[in-house]
Protein backbone atom coordinates (compact mmCIF):
# COMPACT_ATOMS: atom_id res chain seq x y z
CA MET A 1 37.35 -16.54 36.44
CA SER A 2 35.17 -19.56 35.71
CA ASP A 3 36.34 -22.56 33.69
CA LEU A 4 34.01 -21.48 30.88
CA ASP A 5 35.52 -17.98 30.84
CA VAL A 6 39.00 -19.49 30.63
CA LEU A 7 37.90 -21.74 27.76
CA TYR A 8 36.30 -18.81 25.92
CA GLN A 9 39.42 -16.68 26.42
CA GLN A 10 41.53 -19.50 24.98
CA ILE A 11 39.26 -19.82 21.92
CA ILE A 12 39.69 -16.10 21.20
CA LEU A 13 43.46 -16.28 21.64
CA ASP A 14 43.72 -19.35 19.42
CA HIS A 15 41.73 -17.72 16.61
CA ALA A 16 43.76 -14.52 16.92
CA LYS A 17 46.96 -16.51 16.36
CA VAL A 18 45.75 -18.89 13.63
CA ARG A 19 43.36 -16.86 11.51
CA THR A 20 40.91 -18.86 9.43
CA GLY A 21 39.94 -17.15 6.19
CA GLY A 22 42.47 -14.37 6.67
CA ASP A 23 44.04 -14.99 3.32
CA LEU A 24 42.59 -12.26 1.11
CA PRO A 25 45.67 -10.81 -0.60
CA GLU A 26 46.20 -7.14 0.20
CA SER A 27 46.52 -6.47 -3.53
CA GLU A 28 42.87 -7.48 -3.92
CA THR A 29 41.49 -5.24 -1.17
CA ALA A 30 41.76 -1.91 -3.00
CA ALA A 31 38.56 -2.17 -5.03
CA ALA A 32 35.45 -4.25 -4.61
CA PRO A 33 35.05 -6.95 -7.27
CA VAL A 34 32.23 -6.52 -9.75
CA PHE A 35 31.42 -10.16 -10.39
CA PRO A 36 28.04 -11.74 -9.71
CA GLY A 37 27.93 -13.60 -6.42
CA ILE A 38 30.81 -11.67 -4.87
CA GLY A 39 30.53 -8.87 -2.35
CA GLN A 40 33.21 -6.99 -0.49
CA SER A 41 33.20 -4.53 2.39
CA HIS A 42 35.87 -2.47 4.08
CA GLN A 43 35.23 -1.49 7.70
CA LEU A 44 37.25 0.64 10.09
CA ASN A 45 36.89 1.18 13.81
CA PRO A 46 38.23 4.73 14.18
CA VAL A 47 38.26 4.47 17.99
CA CYS A 48 40.98 1.81 18.11
CA GLY A 49 42.20 1.56 14.52
CA ASP A 50 40.99 -1.98 13.78
CA GLU A 51 40.45 -2.42 10.06
CA ILE A 52 39.18 -5.22 7.83
CA THR A 53 38.34 -5.87 4.20
CA LEU A 54 36.10 -8.91 3.88
CA ARG A 55 34.91 -10.68 0.73
CA VAL A 56 31.97 -13.07 0.55
CA THR A 57 31.47 -15.38 -2.41
CA VAL A 58 28.08 -17.03 -2.94
CA GLU A 59 27.82 -19.97 -5.33
CA ASP A 60 24.91 -22.33 -5.91
CA GLY A 61 22.84 -20.60 -3.23
CA LYS A 62 25.44 -21.05 -0.46
CA VAL A 63 28.31 -19.06 0.98
CA ALA A 64 31.28 -20.61 -0.80
CA SER A 65 33.96 -18.57 0.93
CA VAL A 66 34.68 -15.75 3.31
CA ARG A 67 38.12 -14.24 2.86
CA TRP A 68 39.49 -11.24 4.66
CA ASN A 69 42.53 -9.11 5.27
CA GLY A 70 42.80 -7.03 8.39
CA ALA A 71 44.81 -5.57 11.19
CA GLY A 72 43.74 -4.95 14.73
CA CYS A 73 43.39 -6.29 18.21
CA ALA A 74 43.07 -9.97 19.11
CA ILE A 75 39.30 -9.63 19.54
CA SER A 76 38.63 -8.20 16.08
CA MET A 77 40.95 -10.62 14.29
CA ALA A 78 39.66 -13.64 16.22
CA SER A 79 36.08 -12.58 15.52
CA ALA A 80 36.80 -12.46 11.78
CA SER A 81 38.40 -15.90 11.95
CA VAL A 82 35.45 -17.43 13.80
CA LEU A 83 32.99 -15.79 11.40
CA SER A 84 34.76 -17.17 8.36
CA GLU A 85 34.53 -20.70 9.78
CA LEU A 86 30.85 -20.38 10.62
CA ALA A 87 29.82 -18.79 7.34
CA GLU A 88 31.16 -21.17 4.76
CA GLY A 89 28.60 -23.62 3.44
CA VAL A 90 25.49 -21.95 4.85
CA VAL A 91 22.73 -20.31 2.85
CA PRO A 92 22.72 -16.49 2.90
CA GLU A 93 19.59 -16.32 5.07
CA GLU A 94 21.24 -18.51 7.69
CA LEU A 95 24.33 -16.31 7.72
CA LEU A 96 22.16 -13.21 8.16
CA GLY A 97 20.49 -14.99 11.08
CA LEU A 98 23.87 -15.76 12.67
CA ILE A 99 24.92 -12.14 12.23
CA GLY A 100 21.66 -10.98 13.85
CA ASN A 101 22.08 -13.39 16.74
CA PHE A 102 25.69 -12.33 17.31
CA ARG A 103 24.67 -8.65 17.17
CA GLU A 104 21.95 -9.26 19.76
CA VAL A 105 24.44 -10.91 22.13
CA MET A 106 26.96 -8.10 21.61
CA ARG A 107 24.36 -5.42 22.34
CA SER A 108 23.15 -7.14 25.53
CA ARG A 109 25.91 -5.70 27.76
CA GLY A 110 26.49 -9.12 29.26
CA LYS A 111 22.84 -10.03 29.82
CA LEU A 112 22.71 -12.63 27.03
CA ALA A 113 25.08 -15.52 26.60
CA GLY A 114 25.70 -16.75 23.10
CA GLU A 115 24.42 -20.26 22.54
CA GLU A 116 27.14 -22.61 21.30
CA GLU A 117 24.55 -24.67 19.41
CA ILE A 118 23.78 -21.58 17.30
CA LEU A 119 26.98 -19.52 17.31
CA GLY A 120 29.64 -22.21 17.73
CA ASP A 121 32.96 -20.62 18.71
CA ALA A 122 31.41 -17.15 18.34
CA ALA A 123 29.69 -17.78 21.69
CA ALA A 124 33.14 -17.20 23.20
CA PHE A 125 32.66 -13.48 22.59
CA SER A 126 29.70 -13.24 24.98
CA GLY A 127 31.93 -11.80 27.69
CA VAL A 128 33.06 -9.03 25.34
CA SER A 129 29.54 -7.61 25.42
CA ARG A 130 30.17 -6.34 28.96
CA TYR A 131 32.73 -3.89 27.56
CA PRO A 132 31.07 -1.43 25.16
CA ALA A 133 34.39 -0.19 23.77
CA ARG A 134 35.29 -3.76 22.76
CA VAL A 135 31.93 -4.59 21.17
CA LYS A 136 32.88 -2.64 18.06
CA CYS A 137 36.05 -4.73 17.80
CA ALA A 138 34.06 -7.96 17.92
CA MET A 139 31.39 -6.69 15.50
CA LEU A 140 33.70 -5.26 12.82
CA ALA A 141 33.96 -8.41 10.68
CA TRP A 142 30.27 -9.23 11.17
CA VAL A 143 29.21 -5.80 9.88
CA ALA A 144 31.55 -6.24 6.91
CA ALA A 145 30.13 -9.72 6.23
CA GLU A 146 26.56 -8.44 6.35
CA GLU A 147 27.31 -5.71 3.79
CA ALA A 148 29.37 -8.01 1.54
CA LEU A 149 26.72 -10.73 1.65
CA ARG A 150 23.98 -8.29 0.64
CA GLN A 151 26.13 -7.20 -2.32
CA ALA A 152 26.84 -10.79 -3.31
CA VAL A 153 23.19 -11.86 -3.38
CA ALA A 154 22.06 -8.65 -5.10
CA ALA A 155 24.54 -9.07 -7.96
């Protein structure tokens, strides 16, 4: 295993343990909010049981917060944590671009490496793309964020 692979593995483990943005109270995950600028999505990976409810709040043309509640493997929970760090403070179009870039890396089956300059810590998931069964784990929060963001900007 290369030094970069070890570093990337450590980033994923660190985010799985200390989850950024993972503070959406379970009591608030039952129904999507109906306020302007807020979108919420619930996603489930039936293959492994990973589950997440993710809420995006857009204020003044920027992503003000990404909050989530979930349960699952280290990859899915770390991915949600990394996403919540990257998303806050960016304009919706930039977040959609990040989601598209991450999706492209995940679909590459190991042929594309995520660029740290673009994806930050999310580049650590590049190695996951070599394992199709794990790609869904890594993508779960990103799919939820895409749906929630579209709701938030449409409201």
